[in-house]
Amino acid sequence: MDALFVSTFAVAVAEIGDKTQLLALLLAARYRKPWTIVAGILLATLLNHALAAWFGAALSEWLPAGVLRWLVAGSFLAVALWTLRPDRLEEDERRKASVGGAFLATLVAFFLAEIGDKTQVATVLLAAQYEALAQVIAGTTLGMLIANIPVVLLGARFADRLPLRAARIAAALLFLALAVWVAWRGIG
């Protein structure tokens, strides 16, 4: 259960203020079909994070435990620093959201926006750390939904009231704590 809890919490906090959360807001404002957009987010996240988790699990098998330990700790530290930098939705990502219906636009846009994103990197790292791959995938997907469903349902009014700077600092501290914990205790 540690893998599920840590994965859910890490991604939910890291997602606040992320470009995919801005994308969720944009899609909600454009299509006004919240449950269709949530379904697209769910499927895109499941697919993207399952691939990321598989890669992280494969890494944990290929690398010696000592190397993996410091690689994961250093990567969590890098994600902590990366989390402090606010995201912006790029102009070409806005154009991608207008193609197709609400579900297809959300599915494609979210899957692509997650490639190389800090939550995808976190999924790789969590899968490398925990053997419970299904819990990591479920947790990171749940964390993504926890952070994005309120934005989709409540729209711009809710997003304007989020303390994004405080959320980024909390997420950075969480990933810093994970880096220290992995460096101290090791993997698994």
C-alpha atoms as a PDB file:
ATOM      1  CA  MET A   1       0.000   0.000   0.000  1.00  0.00           C
ATOM      2  CA  ASP A   2       2.980   2.339   0.405  1.00  0.00           C
ATOM      3  CA  ALA A   3       3.469   2.395  -3.362  1.00  0.00           C
ATOM      4  CA  LEU A   4      -0.170   3.365  -3.960  1.00  0.00           C
ATOM      5  CA  PHE A   5      -0.213   6.066  -1.291  1.00  0.00           C
ATOM      6  CA  VAL A   6       3.158   7.619  -2.143  1.00  0.00           C
ATOM      7  CA  SER A   7       2.430   7.526  -5.888  1.00  0.00           C
ATOM      8  CA  THR A   8      -1.001   9.117  -5.455  1.00  0.00           C
ATOM      9  CA  PHE A   9       0.223  11.843  -3.127  1.00  0.00           C
ATOM     10  CA  ALA A  10       3.377  12.642  -5.115  1.00  0.00           C
ATOM     11  CA  VAL A  11       1.587  13.048  -8.433  1.00  0.00           C
ATOM     12  CA  ALA A  12      -1.447  14.871  -7.006  1.00  0.00           C
ATOM     13  CA  VAL A  13       0.771  17.494  -5.402  1.00  0.00           C
ATOM     14  CA  ALA A  14       3.217  17.718  -8.324  1.00  0.00           C
ATOM     15  CA  GLU A  15       0.366  18.145 -10.810  1.00  0.00           C
ATOM     16  CA  ILE A  16      -0.945  21.361  -9.229  1.00  0.00           C
ATOM     17  CA  GLY A  17      -0.006  24.189 -11.566  1.00  0.00           C
ATOM     18  CA  ASP A  18       1.440  21.785 -14.142  1.00  0.00           C
ATOM     19  CA  LYS A  19       0.872  22.333 -17.860  1.00  0.00           C
ATOM     20  CA  THR A  20      -1.521  19.377 -18.015  1.00  0.00           C
ATOM     21  CA  GLN A  21      -3.664  21.046 -15.367  1.00  0.00           C
ATOM     22  CA  LEU A  22      -3.690  24.173 -17.521  1.00  0.00           C
ATOM     23  CA  LEU A  23      -4.593  21.947 -20.465  1.00  0.00           C
ATOM     24  CA  ALA A  24      -7.509  20.475 -18.456  1.00  0.00           C
ATOM     25  CA  LEU A  25      -8.732  24.012 -17.780  1.00  0.00           C
ATOM     26  CA  LEU A  26      -8.463  24.919 -21.463  1.00  0.00           C
ATOM     27  CA  LEU A  27     -10.324  21.770 -22.558  1.00  0.00           C
ATOM     28  CA  ALA A  28     -13.060  22.336 -19.953  1.00  0.00           C
ATOM     29  CA  ALA A  29     -13.564  25.916 -21.130  1.00  0.00           C
ATOM     30  CA  ARG A  30     -13.588  24.922 -24.798  1.00  0.00           C
ATOM     31  CA  TYR A  31     -15.761  21.798 -24.794  1.00  0.00           C
ATOM     32  CA  ARG A  32     -17.853  22.149 -21.605  1.00  0.00           C
ATOM     33  CA  LYS A  33     -18.190  18.364 -21.355  1.00  0.00           C
ATOM     34  CA  PRO A  34     -16.503  17.684 -18.016  1.00  0.00           C
ATOM     35  CA  TRP A  35     -17.068  13.928 -17.743  1.00  0.00           C
ATOM     36  CA  THR A  36     -15.949  13.349 -21.324  1.00  0.00           C
ATOM     37  CA  ILE A  37     -12.778  15.297 -20.585  1.00  0.00           C
ATOM     38  CA  VAL A  38     -12.236  13.364 -17.331  1.00  0.00           C
ATOM     39  CA  ALA A  39     -12.588  10.086 -19.273  1.00  0.00           C
ATOM     40  CA  GLY A  40      -9.958  11.287 -21.762  1.00  0.00           C
ATOM     41  CA  ILE A  41      -7.610  12.275 -18.925  1.00  0.00           C
ATOM     42  CA  LEU A  42      -8.098   8.877 -17.279  1.00  0.00           C
ATOM     43  CA  LEU A  43      -7.323   6.843 -20.397  1.00  0.00           C
ATOM     44  CA  ALA A  44      -4.399   9.035 -21.487  1.00  0.00           C
ATOM     45  CA  THR A  45      -2.861   8.895 -18.016  1.00  0.00           C
ATOM     46  CA  LEU A  46      -3.333   5.141 -17.686  1.00  0.00           C
ATOM     47  CA  LEU A  47      -1.619   4.538 -21.034  1.00  0.00           C
ATOM     48  CA  ASN A  48       1.195   7.030 -20.492  1.00  0.00           C
ATOM     49  CA  HIS A  49       1.940   6.082 -16.892  1.00  0.00           C
ATOM     50  CA  ALA A  50       1.730   2.343 -17.605  1.00  0.00           C
ATOM     51  CA  LEU A  51       4.465   2.785 -20.224  1.00  0.00           C
ATOM     52  CA  ALA A  52       6.484   4.964 -17.841  1.00  0.00           C
ATOM     53  CA  ALA A  53       6.088   2.470 -14.983  1.00  0.00           C
ATOM     54  CA  TRP A  54       7.116  -0.426 -17.209  1.00  0.00           C
ATOM     55  CA  PHE A  55      10.252   1.520 -18.162  1.00  0.00           C
ATOM     56  CA  GLY A  56      11.016   2.246 -14.497  1.00  0.00           C
ATOM     57  CA  ALA A  57      10.563  -1.402 -13.554  1.00  0.00           C
ATOM     58  CA  ALA A  58      12.830  -2.474 -16.412  1.00  0.00           C
ATOM     59  CA  LEU A  59      15.449   0.019 -15.243  1.00  0.00           C
ATOM     60  CA  SER A  60      15.369  -1.475 -11.768  1.00  0.00           C
ATOM     61  CA  GLU A  61      16.151  -4.911 -13.242  1.00  0.00           C
ATOM     62  CA  TRP A  62      18.937  -3.732 -15.561  1.00  0.00           C
ATOM     63  CA  LEU A  63      20.897  -1.547 -13.168  1.00  0.00           C
ATOM     64  CA  PRO A  64      22.757  -2.710 -10.068  1.00  0.00           C
ATOM     65  CA  ALA A  65      20.966  -1.748  -6.835  1.00  0.00           C
ATOM     66  CA  GLY A  66      23.693   0.689  -5.742  1.00  0.00           C
ATOM     67  CA  VAL A  67      23.657   2.565  -9.048  1.00  0.00           C
ATOM     68  CA  LEU A  68      19.863   2.583  -9.182  1.00  0.00           C
ATOM     69  CA  ARG A  69      19.645   3.909  -5.621  1.00  0.00           C
ATOM     70  CA  TRP A  70      21.724   7.002  -6.391  1.00  0.00           C
ATOM     71  CA  LEU A  71      20.152   7.472  -9.820  1.00  0.00           C
ATOM     72  CA  VAL A  72      16.658   7.477  -8.295  1.00  0.00           C
ATOM     73  CA  ALA A  73      17.712   9.744  -5.391  1.00  0.00           C
ATOM     74  CA  GLY A  74      19.365  12.193  -7.798  1.00  0.00           C
ATOM     75  CA  SER A  75      16.367  12.086 -10.105  1.00  0.00           C
ATOM     76  CA  PHE A  76      13.949  12.807  -7.250  1.00  0.00           C
ATOM     77  CA  LEU A  77      16.164  15.768  -6.340  1.00  0.00           C
ATOM     78  CA  ALA A  78      16.040  16.974  -9.964  1.00  0.00           C
ATOM     79  CA  VAL A  79      12.238  16.615 -10.024  1.00  0.00           C
ATOM     80  CA  ALA A  80      12.078  18.595  -6.752  1.00  0.00           C
ATOM     81  CA  LEU A  81      13.982  21.460  -8.370  1.00  0.00           C
ATOM     82  CA  TRP A  82      11.969  21.148 -11.604  1.00  0.00           C
ATOM     83  CA  THR A  83       8.726  21.371  -9.621  1.00  0.00           C
ATOM     84  CA  LEU A  84       9.659  24.850  -8.402  1.00  0.00           C
ATOM     85  CA  ARG A  85       9.529  26.136 -11.984  1.00  0.00           C
ATOM     86  CA  PRO A  86       5.967  27.096 -13.003  1.00  0.00           C
ATOM     87  CA  ASP A  87       4.637  25.560 -16.219  1.00  0.00           C
ATOM     88  CA  ARG A  88       2.959  27.376 -19.092  1.00  0.00           C
ATOM     89  CA  LEU A  89       0.806  25.833 -21.753  1.00  0.00           C
ATOM     90  CA  GLU A  90       2.649  26.263 -25.039  1.00  0.00           C
ATOM     91  CA  GLU A  91       0.827  27.709 -28.040  1.00  0.00           C
ATOM     92  CA  ASP A  92       1.153  24.575 -30.205  1.00  0.00           C
ATOM     93  CA  GLU A  93      -0.386  22.470 -27.403  1.00  0.00           C
ATOM     94  CA  ARG A  94      -3.405  24.805 -27.449  1.00  0.00           C
ATOM     95  CA  ARG A  95      -3.866  24.168 -31.157  1.00  0.00           C
ATOM     96  CA  LYS A  96      -3.753  20.375 -30.664  1.00  0.00           C
ATOM     97  CA  ALA A  97      -6.706  20.609 -28.260  1.00  0.00           C
ATOM     98  CA  SER A  98      -9.046  21.815 -31.015  1.00  0.00           C
ATOM     99  CA  VAL A  99      -8.728  18.669 -33.173  1.00  0.00           C
ATOM    100  CA  GLY A 100     -11.590  16.128 -32.974  1.00  0.00           C
ATOM    101  CA  GLY A 101     -14.182  15.812 -30.236  1.00  0.00           C
ATOM    102  CA  ALA A 102     -13.715  16.482 -26.554  1.00  0.00           C
ATOM    103  CA  PHE A 103     -12.691  12.910 -25.713  1.00  0.00           C
ATOM    104  CA  LEU A 104     -10.241  12.465 -28.593  1.00  0.00           C
ATOM    105  CA  ALA A 105      -8.765  15.942 -28.103  1.00  0.00           C
ATOM    106  CA  THR A 106      -8.261  15.254 -24.392  1.00  0.00           C
ATOM    107  CA  LEU A 107      -6.839  11.774 -24.951  1.00  0.00           C
ATOM    108  CA  VAL A 108      -4.287  12.894 -27.531  1.00  0.00           C
ATOM    109  CA  ALA A 109      -3.393  16.199 -25.876  1.00  0.00           C
ATOM    110  CA  PHE A 110      -2.939  14.682 -22.409  1.00  0.00           C
ATOM    111  CA  PHE A 111      -0.927  11.721 -23.653  1.00  0.00           C
ATOM    112  CA  LEU A 112       1.427  14.011 -25.589  1.00  0.00           C
ATOM    113  CA  ALA A 113       1.639  16.642 -22.849  1.00  0.00           C
ATOM    114  CA  GLU A 114       2.673  13.968 -20.329  1.00  0.00           C
ATOM    115  CA  ILE A 115       5.649  12.808 -22.410  1.00  0.00           C
ATOM    116  CA  GLY A 116       8.716  13.989 -20.535  1.00  0.00           C
ATOM    117  CA  ASP A 117       6.581  15.802 -17.951  1.00  0.00           C
ATOM    118  CA  LYS A 118       7.599  15.731 -14.294  1.00  0.00           C
ATOM    119  CA  THR A 119       4.678  13.444 -13.389  1.00  0.00           C
ATOM    120  CA  GLN A 120       5.784  10.942 -16.035  1.00  0.00           C
ATOM    121  CA  VAL A 121       9.355  11.117 -14.749  1.00  0.00           C
ATOM    122  CA  ALA A 122       8.011  10.637 -11.223  1.00  0.00           C
ATOM    123  CA  THR A 123       6.125   7.549 -12.435  1.00  0.00           C
ATOM    124  CA  VAL A 124       9.337   6.082 -13.868  1.00  0.00           C
ATOM    125  CA  LEU A 125      11.144   6.751 -10.592  1.00  0.00           C
ATOM    126  CA  LEU A 126       8.364   5.375  -8.404  1.00  0.00           C
ATOM    127  CA  ALA A 127       8.181   2.208 -10.516  1.00  0.00           C
ATOM    128  CA  ALA A 128      11.941   1.803 -10.177  1.00  0.00           C
ATOM    129  CA  GLN A 129      11.611   2.175  -6.420  1.00  0.00           C
ATOM    130  CA  TYR A 130       8.574  -0.025  -5.740  1.00  0.00           C
ATOM    131  CA  GLU A 131       7.970  -3.578  -6.936  1.00  0.00           C
ATOM    132  CA  ALA A 132       4.180  -3.076  -6.844  1.00  0.00           C
ATOM    133  CA  LEU A 133       3.873  -1.830 -10.420  1.00  0.00           C
ATOM    134  CA  ALA A 134       0.063  -1.935 -10.493  1.00  0.00           C
ATOM    135  CA  GLN A 135      -0.071   0.189  -7.336  1.00  0.00           C
ATOM    136  CA  VAL A 136       2.300   2.751  -8.844  1.00  0.00           C
ATOM    137  CA  ILE A 137       0.223   3.002 -12.037  1.00  0.00           C
ATOM    138  CA  ALA A 138      -3.035   3.185 -10.080  1.00  0.00           C
ATOM    139  CA  GLY A 139      -1.551   5.734  -7.683  1.00  0.00           C
ATOM    140  CA  THR A 140      -0.074   8.039 -10.293  1.00  0.00           C
ATOM    141  CA  THR A 141      -3.293   7.873 -12.314  1.00  0.00           C
ATOM    142  CA  LEU A 142      -5.384   8.567  -9.214  1.00  0.00           C
ATOM    143  CA  GLY A 143      -3.087  11.467  -8.306  1.00  0.00           C
ATOM    144  CA  MET A 144      -3.538  12.910 -11.791  1.00  0.00           C
ATOM    145  CA  LEU A 145      -7.326  12.665 -11.473  1.00  0.00           C
ATOM    146  CA  ILE A 146      -7.341  14.160  -7.962  1.00  0.00           C
ATOM    147  CA  ALA A 147      -5.498  17.212  -9.266  1.00  0.00           C
ATOM    148  CA  ASN A 148      -7.363  17.607 -12.560  1.00  0.00           C
ATOM    149  CA  ILE A 149     -11.006  16.721 -11.882  1.00  0.00           C
ATOM    150  CA  PRO A 150     -11.649  19.832  -9.732  1.00  0.00           C
ATOM    151  CA  VAL A 151     -10.149  22.016 -12.464  1.00  0.00           C
ATOM    152  CA  VAL A 152     -12.332  20.397 -15.105  1.00  0.00           C
ATOM    153  CA  LEU A 153     -15.498  20.591 -12.989  1.00  0.00           C
ATOM    154  CA  LEU A 154     -15.049  24.043 -11.512  1.00  0.00           C
ATOM    155  CA  GLY A 155     -13.217  25.754 -14.363  1.00  0.00           C
ATOM    156  CA  ALA A 156     -11.290  29.013 -14.340  1.00  0.00           C
ATOM    157  CA  ARG A 157     -12.880  30.319 -11.141  1.00  0.00           C
ATOM    158  CA  PHE A 158     -11.376  27.462  -9.114  1.00  0.00           C
ATOM    159  CA  ALA A 159      -7.992  27.589 -10.864  1.00  0.00           C
ATOM    160  CA  ASP A 160      -7.638  31.307 -10.154  1.00  0.00           C
ATOM    161  CA  ARG A 161      -7.929  30.621  -6.416  1.00  0.00           C
ATOM    162  CA  LEU A 162      -5.339  27.856  -6.185  1.00  0.00           C
ATOM    163  CA  PRO A 163      -2.203  28.837  -4.286  1.00  0.00           C
ATOM    164  CA  LEU A 164       0.048  27.548  -7.082  1.00  0.00           C
ATOM    165  CA  ARG A 165       3.325  28.821  -5.641  1.00  0.00           C
ATOM    166  CA  ALA A 166       2.668  27.130  -2.299  1.00  0.00           C
ATOM    167  CA  ALA A 167       1.660  23.932  -4.101  1.00  0.00           C
ATOM    168  CA  ARG A 168       4.891  23.944  -6.149  1.00  0.00           C
ATOM    169  CA  ILE A 169       6.949  24.422  -2.974  1.00  0.00           C
ATOM    170  CA  ALA A 170       5.063  21.588  -1.228  1.00  0.00           C
ATOM    171  CA  ALA A 171       5.614  19.306  -4.237  1.00  0.00           C
ATOM    172  CA  ALA A 172       9.315  20.206  -4.342  1.00  0.00           C
ATOM    173  CA  LEU A 173       9.646  19.411  -0.630  1.00  0.00           C
ATOM    174  CA  LEU A 174       7.874  16.088  -1.165  1.00  0.00           C
ATOM    175  CA  PHE A 175      10.284  15.081  -3.944  1.00  0.00           C
ATOM    176  CA  LEU A 176      13.240  16.301  -1.876  1.00  0.00           C
ATOM    177  CA  ALA A 177      12.040  14.093   0.999  1.00  0.00           C
ATOM    178  CA  LEU A 178      11.726  11.153  -1.407  1.00  0.00           C
ATOM    179  CA  ALA A 179      15.295  11.797  -2.645  1.00  0.00           C
ATOM    180  CA  VAL A 180      16.641  11.827   0.916  1.00  0.00           C
ATOM    181  CA  TRP A 181      14.616   8.741   1.843  1.00  0.00           C
ATOM    182  CA  VAL A 182      15.872   6.757  -1.180  1.00  0.00           C
ATOM    183  CA  ALA A 183      19.460   7.880  -0.569  1.00  0.00           C
ATOM    184  CA  TRP A 184      19.190   6.878   3.096  1.00  0.00           C
ATOM    185  CA  ARG A 185      17.104   3.679   2.911  1.00  0.00           C
ATOM    186  CA  GLY A 186      17.694   2.443  -0.620  1.00  0.00           C
ATOM    187  CA  ILE A 187      15.330   0.996  -3.202  1.00  0.00           C
ATOM    188  CA  GLY A 188      12.354  -1.291  -2.476  1.00  0.00           C
END
